[in-house]
């Protein structure tokens, strides 16, 4: 693929992914201009070890590959998270052949503990159930990452058990708490005003 074709394909993917806005955040499709910021944040071992797919070390080439390949599959929606115009992480959903639709997210360490992950995850859940019409979402959090577990619980995910999952940053498997959220529960919580609607 030529550079011109790659740029054209990236623009098409960006058009198919909406911009989501919350009280403090803007979520949009990743762009080539985000590569350096993504690499800088994701290259933190503390971030990488708490995700299944981020390698460590994580460089500009890894971020370029991520941006080039994201949002290319049916049912996938990946967003970068911006706070006051600064990229702080990523969040999205991906349909997987083996275990349904998986929700994933990460934030750069300087932005931990401020409620940004919960806010972004809620926006992506609304998009996944409302616009993409998924019926069920699944997610995982390393058992050594209680903050990520709390994000999922605050977003109404229900614990389903523990599963060993390969973590690329540590080149080994680690136990993950697994969670599930279905459309019916999401609709019930919406009706009761328990989950705030994202604009």
N, C-alpha and C. Protein backbone atom coordinates (compact mmCIF):
# COMPACT_ATOMS: atom_id res chain seq x y z
N UNK A 1 0.84 -1.18 0.00
CA UNK A 1 0.00 0.00 0.00
C UNK A 1 0.89 1.24 0.00
N UNK A 2 0.59 2.17 -0.88
CA UNK A 2 1.36 3.41 -0.94
C UNK A 2 0.99 4.31 0.22
N UNK A 3 1.83 5.30 0.50
CA UNK A 3 1.56 6.25 1.58
C UNK A 3 0.23 6.96 1.33
N UNK A 4 -0.02 7.35 0.09
CA UNK A 4 -1.28 8.02 -0.25
C UNK A 4 -2.48 7.13 0.04
N UNK A 5 -2.38 5.85 -0.31
CA UNK A 5 -3.47 4.91 -0.04
C UNK A 5 -3.65 4.70 1.45
N UNK A 6 -2.55 4.66 2.20
CA UNK A 6 -2.62 4.49 3.65
C UNK A 6 -3.29 5.68 4.30
N UNK A 7 -2.94 6.88 3.88
CA UNK A 7 -3.57 8.10 4.43
C UNK A 7 -5.06 8.12 4.10
N UNK A 8 -5.41 7.75 2.89
CA UNK A 8 -6.81 7.71 2.49
C UNK A 8 -7.59 6.68 3.33
N UNK A 9 -7.00 5.52 3.56
CA UNK A 9 -7.65 4.49 4.38
C UNK A 9 -7.83 4.97 5.81
N UNK A 10 -6.83 5.67 6.36
CA UNK A 10 -6.92 6.20 7.71
C UNK A 10 -8.05 7.23 7.81
N UNK A 11 -8.18 8.09 6.82
CA UNK A 11 -9.25 9.10 6.83
C UNK A 11 -10.63 8.43 6.78
N UNK A 12 -10.75 7.36 6.01
CA UNK A 12 -12.02 6.63 5.94
C UNK A 12 -12.38 6.02 7.30
N UNK A 13 -11.38 5.45 7.97
CA UNK A 13 -11.63 4.86 9.30
C UNK A 13 -12.05 5.93 10.29
N UNK A 14 -11.40 7.09 10.24
CA UNK A 14 -11.75 8.19 11.14
C UNK A 14 -13.19 8.64 10.92
N UNK A 15 -13.63 8.68 9.66
CA UNK A 15 -15.00 9.11 9.38
C UNK A 15 -16.02 8.11 9.93
N UNK A 16 -15.66 6.83 9.99
CA UNK A 16 -16.62 5.82 10.44
C UNK A 16 -16.70 5.74 11.96
N UNK A 17 -15.77 6.35 12.67
CA UNK A 17 -15.76 6.34 14.13
C UNK A 17 -16.24 7.71 14.61
N UNK A 18 -17.32 7.75 15.39
CA UNK A 18 -17.82 9.06 15.85
C UNK A 18 -16.91 9.66 16.91
N UNK A 19 -17.10 10.92 17.19
CA UNK A 19 -16.44 11.59 18.29
C UNK A 19 -17.41 11.53 19.47
N UNK A 20 -16.92 11.04 20.61
CA UNK A 20 -17.73 10.96 21.83
C UNK A 20 -17.27 12.04 22.79
N UNK A 21 -18.20 12.71 23.42
CA UNK A 21 -17.86 13.74 24.40
C UNK A 21 -18.50 13.42 25.73
N UNK A 22 -17.74 13.62 26.80
CA UNK A 22 -18.25 13.45 28.16
C UNK A 22 -18.09 14.79 28.87
N UNK A 23 -18.30 14.81 30.16
CA UNK A 23 -18.15 16.06 30.90
C UNK A 23 -16.76 16.66 30.79
N UNK A 24 -15.72 15.80 30.77
CA UNK A 24 -14.35 16.31 30.74
C UNK A 24 -13.52 15.82 29.55
N UNK A 25 -14.01 14.81 28.86
CA UNK A 25 -13.18 14.13 27.88
C UNK A 25 -13.76 14.19 26.47
N UNK A 26 -12.86 14.03 25.51
CA UNK A 26 -13.24 13.86 24.11
C UNK A 26 -12.59 12.56 23.65
N UNK A 27 -13.38 11.68 23.03
CA UNK A 27 -12.86 10.42 22.50
C UNK A 27 -13.05 10.44 21.00
N UNK A 28 -11.96 10.14 20.27
CA UNK A 28 -12.01 10.14 18.81
C UNK A 28 -11.08 9.05 18.28
N UNK A 29 -11.18 8.79 16.98
CA UNK A 29 -10.32 7.78 16.35
C UNK A 29 -8.87 8.22 16.43
N UNK A 30 -7.95 7.26 16.64
CA UNK A 30 -6.53 7.59 16.64
C UNK A 30 -6.08 8.08 15.26
N UNK A 31 -5.14 9.03 15.25
CA UNK A 31 -4.60 9.60 14.02
C UNK A 31 -3.08 9.47 14.03
N UNK A 32 -2.50 9.62 12.84
CA UNK A 32 -1.05 9.54 12.74
C UNK A 32 -0.36 10.55 13.66
N UNK A 33 -0.94 11.71 13.82
CA UNK A 33 -0.36 12.73 14.69
C UNK A 33 -0.34 12.36 16.17
N UNK A 34 -1.04 11.28 16.55
CA UNK A 34 -1.08 10.82 17.95
C UNK A 34 0.06 9.87 18.29
N UNK A 35 0.81 9.44 17.30
CA UNK A 35 1.79 8.36 17.48
C UNK A 35 2.78 8.64 18.61
N UNK A 36 3.39 9.81 18.63
CA UNK A 36 4.40 10.11 19.65
C UNK A 36 3.80 10.12 21.04
N UNK A 37 2.61 10.68 21.20
CA UNK A 37 1.96 10.73 22.52
C UNK A 37 1.58 9.32 22.98
N UNK A 38 1.06 8.50 22.07
CA UNK A 38 0.71 7.12 22.41
C UNK A 38 1.96 6.37 22.87
N UNK A 39 3.04 6.48 22.10
CA UNK A 39 4.28 5.78 22.44
C UNK A 39 4.83 6.24 23.79
N UNK A 40 4.79 7.53 24.04
CA UNK A 40 5.33 8.05 25.31
C UNK A 40 4.56 7.51 26.51
N UNK A 41 3.24 7.45 26.42
CA UNK A 41 2.44 6.97 27.55
C UNK A 41 2.47 5.45 27.68
N UNK A 42 2.37 4.75 26.56
CA UNK A 42 2.30 3.28 26.60
C UNK A 42 3.65 2.63 26.89
N UNK A 43 4.73 3.36 26.76
CA UNK A 43 6.05 2.81 27.02
C UNK A 43 6.36 2.72 28.52
N UNK A 44 5.45 3.08 29.35
CA UNK A 44 5.58 2.95 30.81
C UNK A 44 5.25 1.50 31.19
N UNK A 45 6.18 0.82 31.82
CA UNK A 45 5.98 -0.60 32.16
C UNK A 45 4.73 -0.80 33.03
N UNK A 46 4.41 0.16 33.90
CA UNK A 46 3.22 0.05 34.75
C UNK A 46 1.94 0.00 33.91
N UNK A 47 1.94 0.72 32.80
CA UNK A 47 0.78 0.70 31.90
C UNK A 47 0.75 -0.62 31.14
N UNK A 48 1.86 -0.96 30.51
CA UNK A 48 1.93 -2.15 29.65
C UNK A 48 1.60 -3.44 30.42
N UNK A 49 2.10 -3.57 31.63
CA UNK A 49 1.87 -4.81 32.41
C UNK A 49 0.41 -5.03 32.77
N UNK A 50 -0.39 -3.98 32.70
CA UNK A 50 -1.81 -4.10 33.06
C UNK A 50 -2.71 -4.23 31.84
N UNK A 51 -2.10 -4.45 30.67
CA UNK A 51 -2.87 -4.72 29.46
C UNK A 51 -2.40 -6.06 28.89
N UNK A 52 -3.23 -6.66 28.06
CA UNK A 52 -2.84 -7.93 27.45
C UNK A 52 -1.95 -7.73 26.24
N UNK A 53 -2.13 -6.63 25.49
CA UNK A 53 -1.50 -6.54 24.18
C UNK A 53 -0.40 -5.50 24.02
N UNK A 54 -0.20 -4.60 24.96
CA UNK A 54 0.86 -3.61 24.83
C UNK A 54 2.19 -4.28 25.20
N UNK A 55 3.15 -4.17 24.31
CA UNK A 55 4.48 -4.72 24.57
C UNK A 55 5.29 -3.76 25.42
N UNK A 56 6.38 -4.27 25.97
CA UNK A 56 7.32 -3.38 26.66
C UNK A 56 8.72 -3.84 26.33
N UNK A 57 9.58 -2.96 25.85
CA UNK A 57 9.31 -1.54 25.59
C UNK A 57 8.35 -1.33 24.41
N UNK A 58 7.75 -0.14 24.38
CA UNK A 58 6.78 0.21 23.35
C UNK A 58 7.26 1.50 22.70
N UNK A 59 7.59 1.42 21.41
CA UNK A 59 8.16 2.57 20.73
C UNK A 59 7.25 3.20 19.70
N UNK A 60 7.78 4.17 19.01
CA UNK A 60 7.03 4.89 17.97
C UNK A 60 6.57 3.94 16.88
N UNK A 61 7.40 2.97 16.50
CA UNK A 61 7.01 1.99 15.48
C UNK A 61 5.80 1.18 15.91
N UNK A 62 5.75 0.81 17.21
CA UNK A 62 4.59 0.08 17.72
C UNK A 62 3.33 0.94 17.64
N UNK A 63 3.47 2.21 18.01
CA UNK A 63 2.32 3.12 17.96
C UNK A 63 1.87 3.36 16.52
N UNK A 64 2.83 3.46 15.59
CA UNK A 64 2.46 3.62 14.17
C UNK A 64 1.68 2.41 13.67
N UNK A 65 2.12 1.22 14.07
CA UNK A 65 1.42 -0.01 13.67
C UNK A 65 0.01 -0.05 14.27
N UNK A 66 -0.12 0.36 15.53
CA UNK A 66 -1.42 0.41 16.18
C UNK A 66 -2.37 1.34 15.41
N UNK A 67 -1.92 2.55 15.13
CA UNK A 67 -2.78 3.53 14.44
C UNK A 67 -3.15 3.04 13.04
N UNK A 68 -2.22 2.41 12.35
CA UNK A 68 -2.48 1.93 10.99
C UNK A 68 -3.48 0.77 10.95
N UNK A 69 -3.51 -0.02 12.00
CA UNK A 69 -4.34 -1.24 11.98
C UNK A 69 -5.63 -1.16 12.77
N UNK A 70 -5.83 -0.09 13.51
CA UNK A 70 -7.01 0.00 14.37
C UNK A 70 -8.24 0.41 13.56
N UNK A 71 -9.41 0.01 14.04
CA UNK A 71 -10.70 0.35 13.43
C UNK A 71 -10.84 -0.16 12.01
N UNK A 72 -10.32 -1.34 11.76
CA UNK A 72 -10.41 -1.94 10.43
C UNK A 72 -11.37 -3.12 10.38
N UNK A 73 -11.78 -3.63 11.54
CA UNK A 73 -12.65 -4.81 11.58
C UNK A 73 -14.08 -4.42 11.94
N UNK A 74 -15.03 -5.19 11.44
CA UNK A 74 -16.45 -4.97 11.73
C UNK A 74 -16.69 -5.05 13.24
N UNK A 75 -17.44 -4.10 13.78
CA UNK A 75 -17.79 -4.11 15.19
C UNK A 75 -16.71 -3.55 16.11
N UNK A 76 -15.59 -3.12 15.53
CA UNK A 76 -14.50 -2.55 16.33
C UNK A 76 -14.65 -1.05 16.39
N UNK A 77 -14.38 -0.47 17.55
CA UNK A 77 -14.37 0.97 17.71
C UNK A 77 -13.32 1.31 18.75
N UNK A 78 -12.24 1.90 18.29
CA UNK A 78 -11.14 2.27 19.18
C UNK A 78 -11.00 3.79 19.19
N UNK A 79 -10.84 4.33 20.38
CA UNK A 79 -10.75 5.78 20.55
C UNK A 79 -9.51 6.13 21.34
N UNK A 80 -8.90 7.26 21.04
CA UNK A 80 -7.94 7.85 21.97
C UNK A 80 -8.75 8.78 22.87
N UNK A 81 -8.26 8.95 24.08
CA UNK A 81 -8.94 9.77 25.09
C UNK A 81 -8.16 11.07 25.24
N UNK A 82 -8.87 12.19 25.09
CA UNK A 82 -8.25 13.50 25.21
C UNK A 82 -8.84 14.25 26.40
N UNK A 83 -7.97 14.87 27.18
CA UNK A 83 -8.38 15.72 28.29
C UNK A 83 -7.74 17.08 28.06
N UNK A 84 -8.54 18.11 27.93
CA UNK A 84 -8.04 19.46 27.60
C UNK A 84 -7.10 19.44 26.40
N UNK A 85 -7.45 18.63 25.39
CA UNK A 85 -6.66 18.56 24.17
C UNK A 85 -5.43 17.68 24.24
N UNK A 86 -5.14 17.10 25.41
CA UNK A 86 -3.96 16.25 25.60
C UNK A 86 -4.37 14.79 25.57
N UNK A 87 -3.67 13.98 24.79
CA UNK A 87 -3.95 12.56 24.74
C UNK A 87 -3.52 11.92 26.05
N UNK A 88 -4.45 11.18 26.70
CA UNK A 88 -4.14 10.58 28.00
C UNK A 88 -4.29 9.06 28.00
N UNK A 89 -4.83 8.46 26.94
CA UNK A 89 -4.99 7.01 26.91
C UNK A 89 -5.84 6.58 25.73
N UNK A 90 -6.35 5.36 25.83
CA UNK A 90 -7.19 4.80 24.76
C UNK A 90 -8.23 3.88 25.36
N UNK A 91 -9.33 3.71 24.61
CA UNK A 91 -10.43 2.86 25.07
C UNK A 91 -11.19 2.39 23.84
N UNK A 92 -11.68 1.16 23.88
CA UNK A 92 -12.45 0.69 22.73
C UNK A 92 -13.03 -0.68 22.92
N UNK A 93 -13.74 -1.13 21.89
CA UNK A 93 -14.32 -2.47 21.87
C UNK A 93 -13.88 -3.16 20.59
N UNK A 94 -13.73 -4.48 20.69
CA UNK A 94 -13.31 -5.28 19.55
C UNK A 94 -14.04 -6.61 19.58
N UNK A 95 -14.66 -6.96 18.46
CA UNK A 95 -15.31 -8.26 18.34
C UNK A 95 -14.25 -9.32 18.14
N UNK A 96 -14.27 -10.35 18.99
CA UNK A 96 -13.30 -11.44 18.90
C UNK A 96 -14.05 -12.73 18.62
N UNK A 97 -13.51 -13.51 17.71
CA UNK A 97 -14.17 -14.75 17.29
C UNK A 97 -14.34 -15.72 18.45
N UNK A 98 -13.36 -15.77 19.35
CA UNK A 98 -13.39 -16.78 20.40
C UNK A 98 -14.24 -16.43 21.61
N UNK A 99 -14.30 -15.16 21.98
CA UNK A 99 -15.03 -14.84 23.22
C UNK A 99 -15.85 -13.56 23.15
N UNK A 100 -16.47 -13.28 22.03
CA UNK A 100 -17.41 -12.16 21.94
C UNK A 100 -16.73 -10.81 21.80
N UNK A 101 -17.37 -9.78 22.33
CA UNK A 101 -16.91 -8.40 22.20
C UNK A 101 -16.17 -8.01 23.48
N UNK A 102 -14.92 -7.63 23.31
CA UNK A 102 -14.06 -7.29 24.44
C UNK A 102 -13.89 -5.79 24.54
N UNK A 103 -14.07 -5.25 25.74
CA UNK A 103 -13.81 -3.85 26.02
C UNK A 103 -12.42 -3.75 26.65
N UNK A 104 -11.63 -2.81 26.18
CA UNK A 104 -10.30 -2.60 26.76
C UNK A 104 -10.02 -1.12 26.89
N UNK A 105 -9.10 -0.79 27.79
CA UNK A 105 -8.77 0.61 28.03
C UNK A 105 -7.43 0.69 28.75
N UNK A 106 -6.77 1.81 28.60
CA UNK A 106 -5.58 2.13 29.38
C UNK A 106 -5.43 3.64 29.45
N UNK A 107 -4.82 4.08 30.53
CA UNK A 107 -4.51 5.51 30.72
C UNK A 107 -3.03 5.63 31.04
N UNK A 108 -2.42 6.73 30.62
CA UNK A 108 -1.06 7.03 31.04
C UNK A 108 -1.03 7.24 32.54
N UNK A 109 0.04 6.81 33.19
CA UNK A 109 0.15 6.87 34.65
C UNK A 109 -0.09 8.25 35.25
N UNK A 110 0.32 9.36 34.60
CA UNK A 110 0.04 10.67 35.21
C UNK A 110 -1.46 10.98 35.36
N UNK A 111 -2.30 10.20 34.70
CA UNK A 111 -3.75 10.49 34.71
C UNK A 111 -4.54 9.49 35.53
N UNK A 112 -3.86 8.63 36.26
CA UNK A 112 -4.54 7.64 37.10
C UNK A 112 -5.18 8.32 38.31
N UNK A 113 -6.24 7.70 38.81
CA UNK A 113 -6.86 8.13 40.07
C UNK A 113 -7.70 9.38 39.99
N UNK A 114 -8.11 9.78 38.80
CA UNK A 114 -8.90 11.01 38.64
C UNK A 114 -10.26 10.76 38.00
N UNK A 115 -10.65 9.49 37.86
CA UNK A 115 -11.95 9.15 37.31
C UNK A 115 -12.04 9.18 35.80
N UNK A 116 -10.93 9.40 35.11
CA UNK A 116 -10.96 9.48 33.65
C UNK A 116 -11.31 8.14 33.01
N UNK A 117 -10.78 7.06 33.55
CA UNK A 117 -11.05 5.74 32.95
C UNK A 117 -12.53 5.42 33.03
N UNK A 118 -13.14 5.64 34.18
CA UNK A 118 -14.57 5.36 34.34
C UNK A 118 -15.39 6.19 33.36
N UNK A 119 -15.05 7.45 33.23
CA UNK A 119 -15.78 8.36 32.32
C UNK A 119 -15.65 7.90 30.87
N UNK A 120 -14.45 7.52 30.46
CA UNK A 120 -14.24 7.07 29.09
C UNK A 120 -14.92 5.73 28.84
N UNK A 121 -14.81 4.80 29.78
CA UNK A 121 -15.44 3.48 29.61
C UNK A 121 -16.95 3.62 29.48
N UNK A 122 -17.56 4.47 30.28
CA UNK A 122 -19.01 4.68 30.17
C UNK A 122 -19.40 5.18 28.79
N UNK A 123 -18.62 6.09 28.24
CA UNK A 123 -18.91 6.61 26.90
C UNK A 123 -18.82 5.50 25.85
N UNK A 124 -17.81 4.66 25.96
CA UNK A 124 -17.64 3.58 24.98
C UNK A 124 -18.71 2.51 25.15
N UNK A 125 -19.12 2.24 26.39
CA UNK A 125 -20.24 1.29 26.62
C UNK A 125 -21.50 1.80 25.94
N UNK A 126 -21.82 3.07 26.13
CA UNK A 126 -23.01 3.65 25.48
C UNK A 126 -22.93 3.51 23.97
N UNK A 127 -21.76 3.76 23.41
CA UNK A 127 -21.57 3.62 21.96
C UNK A 127 -21.73 2.16 21.53
N UNK A 128 -21.13 1.25 22.29
CA UNK A 128 -21.16 -0.17 21.93
C UNK A 128 -22.58 -0.73 21.95
N UNK A 129 -23.35 -0.39 22.97
CA UNK A 129 -24.72 -0.90 23.06
C UNK A 129 -25.69 -0.07 22.22
N UNK A 130 -25.50 1.25 22.20
CA UNK A 130 -26.44 2.12 21.50
C UNK A 130 -26.24 2.18 20.00
N UNK A 131 -25.03 2.45 19.56
CA UNK A 131 -24.77 2.64 18.13
C UNK A 131 -24.35 1.36 17.42
N UNK A 132 -23.47 0.58 18.07
CA UNK A 132 -22.98 -0.64 17.43
C UNK A 132 -23.92 -1.83 17.64
N UNK A 133 -24.85 -1.70 18.56
CA UNK A 133 -25.89 -2.71 18.81
C UNK A 133 -25.32 -4.05 19.30
N UNK A 134 -24.20 -4.01 20.03
CA UNK A 134 -23.69 -5.24 20.63
C UNK A 134 -24.63 -5.68 21.74
N UNK A 135 -24.71 -6.97 21.99
CA UNK A 135 -25.59 -7.50 23.03
C UNK A 135 -24.89 -7.70 24.36
N UNK A 136 -23.60 -8.00 24.31
CA UNK A 136 -22.84 -8.29 25.52
C UNK A 136 -21.43 -7.76 25.37
N UNK A 137 -20.89 -7.23 26.45
CA UNK A 137 -19.49 -6.81 26.49
C UNK A 137 -18.77 -7.62 27.56
N UNK A 138 -17.52 -7.95 27.28
CA UNK A 138 -16.68 -8.62 28.25
C UNK A 138 -15.44 -7.77 28.48
N UNK A 139 -14.83 -7.92 29.65
CA UNK A 139 -13.63 -7.16 29.96
C UNK A 139 -12.84 -7.92 31.01
N UNK A 140 -11.60 -7.54 31.16
CA UNK A 140 -10.75 -8.17 32.16
C UNK A 140 -9.88 -7.15 32.86
N UNK A 141 -9.47 -7.49 34.07
CA UNK A 141 -8.54 -6.66 34.85
C UNK A 141 -7.60 -7.60 35.59
N UNK A 142 -6.32 -7.33 35.52
CA UNK A 142 -5.39 -8.17 36.26
C UNK A 142 -5.77 -8.18 37.73
N UNK A 143 -5.62 -9.32 38.36
CA UNK A 143 -5.99 -9.42 39.77
C UNK A 143 -5.13 -8.50 40.63
N UNK A 144 -3.97 -8.10 40.12
CA UNK A 144 -3.09 -7.18 40.84
C UNK A 144 -3.41 -5.72 40.54
N UNK A 145 -4.53 -5.44 39.86
CA UNK A 145 -4.90 -4.08 39.47
C UNK A 145 -6.31 -3.75 39.99
N UNK A 146 -6.44 -3.50 41.30
CA UNK A 146 -7.77 -3.22 41.85
C UNK A 146 -8.41 -1.96 41.30
N UNK A 147 -7.62 -0.99 40.86
CA UNK A 147 -8.20 0.24 40.31
C UNK A 147 -8.97 -0.05 39.02
N UNK A 148 -8.44 -0.92 38.17
CA UNK A 148 -9.13 -1.28 36.94
C UNK A 148 -10.39 -2.08 37.24
N UNK A 149 -10.31 -2.93 38.23
CA UNK A 149 -11.49 -3.69 38.66
C UNK A 149 -12.60 -2.73 39.11
N UNK A 150 -12.24 -1.69 39.88
CA UNK A 150 -13.24 -0.72 40.35
C UNK A 150 -13.88 0.02 39.18
N UNK A 151 -13.10 0.33 38.14
CA UNK A 151 -13.66 0.99 36.95
C UNK A 151 -14.78 0.13 36.38
N UNK A 152 -14.51 -1.15 36.19
CA UNK A 152 -15.51 -2.05 35.61
C UNK A 152 -16.73 -2.20 36.52
N UNK A 153 -16.51 -2.30 37.81
CA UNK A 153 -17.63 -2.43 38.74
C UNK A 153 -18.49 -1.17 38.75
N UNK A 154 -17.85 0.01 38.70
CA UNK A 154 -18.62 1.27 38.65
C UNK A 154 -19.43 1.38 37.37
N UNK A 155 -19.00 0.68 36.32
CA UNK A 155 -19.71 0.70 35.04
C UNK A 155 -20.69 -0.47 34.92
N UNK A 156 -20.98 -1.14 36.04
CA UNK A 156 -22.01 -2.18 36.16
C UNK A 156 -21.59 -3.54 35.60
N UNK A 157 -20.32 -3.74 35.28
CA UNK A 157 -19.87 -5.06 34.88
C UNK A 157 -19.98 -6.03 36.05
N UNK A 158 -20.33 -7.26 35.75
CA UNK A 158 -20.47 -8.31 36.75
C UNK A 158 -19.31 -9.29 36.64
N UNK A 159 -18.72 -9.64 37.79
CA UNK A 159 -17.59 -10.56 37.82
C UNK A 159 -18.05 -11.95 37.40
N UNK A 160 -17.28 -12.62 36.55
CA UNK A 160 -17.65 -13.96 36.08
C UNK A 160 -16.62 -15.02 36.43
N UNK A 161 -15.45 -14.63 36.92
CA UNK A 161 -14.45 -15.61 37.29
C UNK A 161 -13.04 -15.11 36.99
N UNK A 162 -12.08 -16.03 37.14
CA UNK A 162 -10.68 -15.70 36.89
C UNK A 162 -10.18 -16.56 35.73
N UNK A 163 -9.36 -15.97 34.88
CA UNK A 163 -8.84 -16.67 33.71
C UNK A 163 -7.38 -16.29 33.50
N UNK A 164 -6.56 -17.26 33.16
CA UNK A 164 -5.18 -16.96 32.80
C UNK A 164 -5.15 -16.36 31.40
N UNK A 165 -4.43 -15.25 31.25
CA UNK A 165 -4.34 -14.55 29.96
C UNK A 165 -2.89 -14.18 29.70
N UNK A 166 -2.48 -14.30 28.47
CA UNK A 166 -1.11 -13.94 28.10
C UNK A 166 -0.95 -12.42 28.12
N UNK A 167 0.07 -11.95 28.83
CA UNK A 167 0.39 -10.53 28.93
C UNK A 167 1.69 -10.31 28.17
N UNK A 168 1.62 -9.59 27.07
CA UNK A 168 2.79 -9.43 26.21
C UNK A 168 3.94 -8.72 26.91
N UNK A 169 3.65 -7.75 27.77
CA UNK A 169 4.71 -6.97 28.41
C UNK A 169 5.57 -7.80 29.36
N UNK A 170 5.00 -8.86 29.93
CA UNK A 170 5.77 -9.72 30.83
C UNK A 170 6.14 -11.05 30.18
N UNK A 171 5.69 -11.24 28.93
CA UNK A 171 5.96 -12.46 28.17
C UNK A 171 5.57 -13.71 28.95
N UNK A 172 4.40 -13.64 29.57
CA UNK A 172 3.91 -14.75 30.38
C UNK A 172 2.40 -14.61 30.57
N UNK A 173 1.81 -15.63 31.14
CA UNK A 173 0.39 -15.57 31.48
C UNK A 173 0.23 -15.07 32.90
N UNK A 174 -0.89 -14.40 33.14
CA UNK A 174 -1.21 -13.89 34.48
C UNK A 174 -2.72 -14.02 34.68
N UNK A 175 -3.15 -14.14 35.95
CA UNK A 175 -4.59 -14.24 36.20
C UNK A 175 -5.30 -12.90 36.01
N UNK A 176 -6.44 -12.96 35.32
CA UNK A 176 -7.29 -11.80 35.12
C UNK A 176 -8.67 -12.08 35.70
N UNK A 177 -9.20 -11.11 36.44
CA UNK A 177 -10.62 -11.16 36.80
C UNK A 177 -11.39 -10.85 35.53
N UNK A 178 -12.38 -11.67 35.21
CA UNK A 178 -13.18 -11.48 34.01
C UNK A 178 -14.55 -10.92 34.40
N UNK A 179 -15.08 -10.04 33.55
CA UNK A 179 -16.34 -9.35 33.81
C UNK A 179 -17.21 -9.37 32.57
N UNK A 180 -18.50 -9.17 32.78
CA UNK A 180 -19.48 -9.20 31.69
C UNK A 180 -20.57 -8.16 31.97
N UNK A 181 -21.02 -7.51 30.91
CA UNK A 181 -22.15 -6.58 30.99
C UNK A 181 -23.04 -6.83 29.78
N UNK A 182 -24.34 -7.03 30.03
CA UNK A 182 -25.22 -7.26 28.88
C UNK A 182 -26.16 -6.07 28.67
N UNK A 183 -26.70 -6.03 27.47
CA UNK A 183 -27.56 -4.92 27.06
C UNK A 183 -28.76 -4.74 28.01
N UNK A 184 -29.35 -5.84 28.47
CA UNK A 184 -30.52 -5.75 29.34
C UNK A 184 -30.22 -4.99 30.62
N UNK A 185 -29.10 -5.31 31.26
CA UNK A 185 -28.72 -4.61 32.49
C UNK A 185 -28.42 -3.14 32.19
N UNK A 186 -27.71 -2.89 31.10
CA UNK A 186 -27.39 -1.52 30.70
C UNK A 186 -28.68 -0.72 30.50
N UNK A 187 -29.67 -1.30 29.78
CA UNK A 187 -30.93 -0.60 29.55
C UNK A 187 -31.68 -0.35 30.86
N UNK A 188 -31.66 -1.32 31.76
CA UNK A 188 -32.32 -1.14 33.06
C UNK A 188 -31.69 -0.01 33.85
N UNK A 189 -30.38 0.03 33.88
CA UNK A 189 -29.69 1.08 34.61
C UNK A 189 -29.93 2.44 33.98
N UNK A 190 -29.98 2.49 32.66
CA UNK A 190 -30.29 3.74 31.96
C UNK A 190 -31.68 4.24 32.35
N UNK A 191 -32.64 3.30 32.39
CA UNK A 191 -34.02 3.66 32.71
C UNK A 191 -34.12 4.24 34.12
N UNK A 192 -33.30 3.74 35.03
CA UNK A 192 -33.31 4.21 36.41
C UNK A 192 -32.36 5.38 36.62
N UNK A 193 -31.68 5.80 35.57
CA UNK A 193 -30.77 6.93 35.69
C UNK A 193 -29.48 6.61 36.41
N UNK A 194 -29.16 5.32 36.54
CA UNK A 194 -27.96 4.91 37.26
C UNK A 194 -26.69 5.09 36.43
N UNK A 195 -26.82 5.01 35.12
CA UNK A 195 -25.67 5.21 34.24
C UNK A 195 -25.92 6.47 33.44
N UNK A 196 -25.06 7.44 33.61
CA UNK A 196 -25.26 8.73 32.96
C UNK A 196 -25.11 8.61 31.44
N UNK A 197 -26.03 9.21 30.72
CA UNK A 197 -25.97 9.23 29.26
C UNK A 197 -24.86 10.18 28.82
N UNK A 198 -24.00 9.72 27.95
CA UNK A 198 -22.93 10.53 27.42
C UNK A 198 -23.45 11.26 26.20
N UNK A 199 -23.17 12.56 26.11
CA UNK A 199 -23.64 13.36 24.98
C UNK A 199 -23.02 12.91 23.70
